């Protein structure tokens, strides 16, 4: 009975859901490393994963502290635009510096961006639906 109560409490927390989602993406990353050709690999896959987990947690924390709905929309749009352009700059700089590894890095960066952005939007919608 205690385990069921604990699991219910954990399942309602954003950070526990982020942890579960992140373990899924980490497993996906290891499957990718095991089966993809060297052309689609990058030495920074684990660092990318950590980067997206931490930025998603930080952005969610920041956005959930905004109480005014009018200000939330502005903050959300601003953060989304900054993320998009900042991440694009990271990809371009990496591609210019490491041309031989750019394909795998870019592929995983964009995959993680889409996965974690989708997760973030779904969790924010659930948070503000309450």
Protein backbone atom coordinates (compact mmCIF):
# COMPACT_ATOMS: atom_id res chain seq x y z
CA UNK A 1 0.00 0.00 0.00
CA UNK A 2 2.82 2.41 0.89
CA UNK A 3 4.54 1.71 -2.43
CA UNK A 4 1.36 2.53 -4.33
CA UNK A 5 1.01 5.84 -2.49
CA UNK A 6 4.66 6.66 -3.13
CA UNK A 7 4.35 5.81 -6.82
CA UNK A 8 1.24 8.01 -7.13
CA UNK A 9 3.05 10.93 -5.51
CA UNK A 10 6.07 10.46 -7.75
CA UNK A 11 4.02 10.11 -10.91
CA UNK A 12 2.44 13.53 -10.33
CA UNK A 13 5.75 15.35 -10.02
CA UNK A 14 7.20 16.99 -13.12
CA UNK A 15 10.71 16.04 -12.12
CA UNK A 16 9.86 12.37 -11.68
CA UNK A 17 8.21 12.37 -15.09
CA UNK A 18 11.26 14.09 -16.51
CA UNK A 19 13.46 11.42 -14.94
CA UNK A 20 11.38 8.61 -16.45
CA UNK A 21 11.30 10.32 -19.86
CA UNK A 22 15.05 10.95 -19.65
CA UNK A 23 15.76 7.31 -18.85
CA UNK A 24 13.77 6.39 -21.96
CA UNK A 25 15.80 8.81 -24.10
CA UNK A 26 19.03 7.55 -22.53
CA UNK A 27 18.09 3.98 -23.44
CA UNK A 28 17.35 5.19 -26.97
CA UNK A 29 20.77 6.82 -27.05
CA UNK A 30 22.52 3.60 -26.03
CA UNK A 31 20.60 1.57 -28.61
CA UNK A 32 21.62 4.15 -31.20
CA UNK A 33 25.29 3.91 -30.17
CA UNK A 34 25.14 0.13 -30.47
CA UNK A 35 23.57 -0.11 -33.90
CA UNK A 36 24.23 3.08 -35.88
CA UNK A 37 27.20 3.36 -38.20
CA UNK A 38 30.19 5.50 -37.25
CA UNK A 39 28.99 8.26 -39.60
CA UNK A 40 25.96 8.85 -37.35
CA UNK A 41 27.89 8.78 -34.06
CA UNK A 42 29.19 11.58 -31.87
CA UNK A 43 31.37 11.51 -28.79
CA UNK A 44 29.10 14.12 -27.22
CA UNK A 45 25.84 12.13 -27.17
CA UNK A 46 25.85 11.73 -23.39
CA UNK A 47 26.76 15.40 -22.89
CA UNK A 48 23.87 16.38 -25.18
CA UNK A 49 21.50 14.24 -23.16
CA UNK A 50 22.61 15.86 -19.87
CA UNK A 51 22.33 19.30 -21.46
CA UNK A 52 18.73 18.74 -22.53
CA UNK A 53 17.68 17.21 -19.20
CA UNK A 54 19.10 20.15 -17.25
CA UNK A 55 17.80 22.87 -19.55
CA UNK A 56 14.32 21.33 -19.60
CA UNK A 57 14.24 21.18 -15.79
CA UNK A 58 15.47 24.77 -15.45
CA UNK A 59 13.08 26.19 -18.05
CA UNK A 60 10.12 24.35 -16.53
CA UNK A 61 11.00 25.68 -13.07
CA UNK A 62 11.30 29.23 -14.40
CA UNK A 63 8.05 29.13 -16.40
CA UNK A 64 5.99 27.64 -13.59
CA UNK A 65 6.97 30.52 -11.29
CA UNK A 66 5.24 33.00 -13.64
CA UNK A 67 1.74 33.53 -12.25
CA UNK A 68 0.29 36.13 -14.63
CA UNK A 69 -1.06 34.43 -17.80
CA UNK A 70 -0.29 37.48 -19.94
CA UNK A 71 3.33 37.52 -18.81
CA UNK A 72 3.59 33.72 -19.16
CA UNK A 73 2.85 33.85 -22.89
CA UNK A 74 5.56 36.44 -23.43
CA UNK A 75 8.09 34.54 -21.34
CA UNK A 76 7.26 31.25 -23.05
CA UNK A 77 7.55 32.73 -26.54
CA UNK A 78 10.78 34.52 -25.62
CA UNK A 79 12.38 31.45 -24.10
CA UNK A 80 11.30 29.32 -27.06
CA UNK A 81 12.82 31.80 -29.51
CA UNK A 82 16.05 32.06 -27.48
CA UNK A 83 16.28 28.28 -27.29
CA UNK A 84 15.74 27.87 -31.02
CA UNK A 85 18.34 30.45 -32.04
CA UNK A 86 20.79 29.49 -29.30
CA UNK A 87 20.59 25.83 -30.24
CA UNK A 88 20.97 26.68 -33.92
CA UNK A 89 24.14 28.63 -33.10
CA UNK A 90 25.49 25.63 -31.15
CA UNK A 91 24.83 23.33 -34.12
CA UNK A 92 26.44 25.69 -36.65
CA UNK A 93 29.54 26.26 -34.50
CA UNK A 94 29.96 22.54 -33.90
CA UNK A 95 29.47 21.77 -37.60
CA UNK A 96 32.11 24.33 -38.57
CA UNK A 97 34.62 23.08 -36.00
CA UNK A 98 34.01 19.33 -36.31
CA UNK A 99 32.92 18.70 -39.89
CA UNK A 100 33.50 14.94 -39.77
CA UNK A 101 31.28 14.45 -36.69
CA UNK A 102 28.66 17.09 -37.53
CA UNK A 103 26.08 14.71 -38.99
CA UNK A 104 25.70 12.54 -35.90
CA UNK A 105 25.81 15.52 -33.55
CA UNK A 106 23.20 17.45 -35.53
CA UNK A 107 20.91 14.47 -35.88
CA UNK A 108 20.93 13.77 -32.14
CA UNK A 109 20.75 17.42 -31.18
CA UNK A 110 17.62 17.94 -33.27
CA UNK A 111 16.09 14.66 -32.09
CA UNK A 112 16.61 15.56 -28.44
CA UNK A 113 15.38 19.11 -29.10
CA UNK A 114 12.11 17.82 -30.55
CA UNK A 115 11.63 15.19 -27.85
CA UNK A 116 12.32 17.49 -24.90
CA UNK A 117 10.43 20.45 -26.40
CA UNK A 118 7.39 18.24 -26.91
CA UNK A 119 7.71 16.89 -23.38
CA UNK A 120 8.03 20.42 -22.00
CA UNK A 121 4.90 21.66 -23.81
CA UNK A 122 2.81 18.67 -22.73
CA UNK A 123 3.89 19.07 -19.10
CA UNK A 124 3.25 22.82 -19.11
CA UNK A 125 -0.23 22.26 -20.57
CA UNK A 126 -0.99 19.77 -17.79
CA UNK A 127 0.43 22.13 -15.17
CA UNK A 128 -1.69 25.10 -16.22
CA UNK A 129 -4.81 23.03 -16.82
CA UNK A 130 -5.15 22.59 -13.06
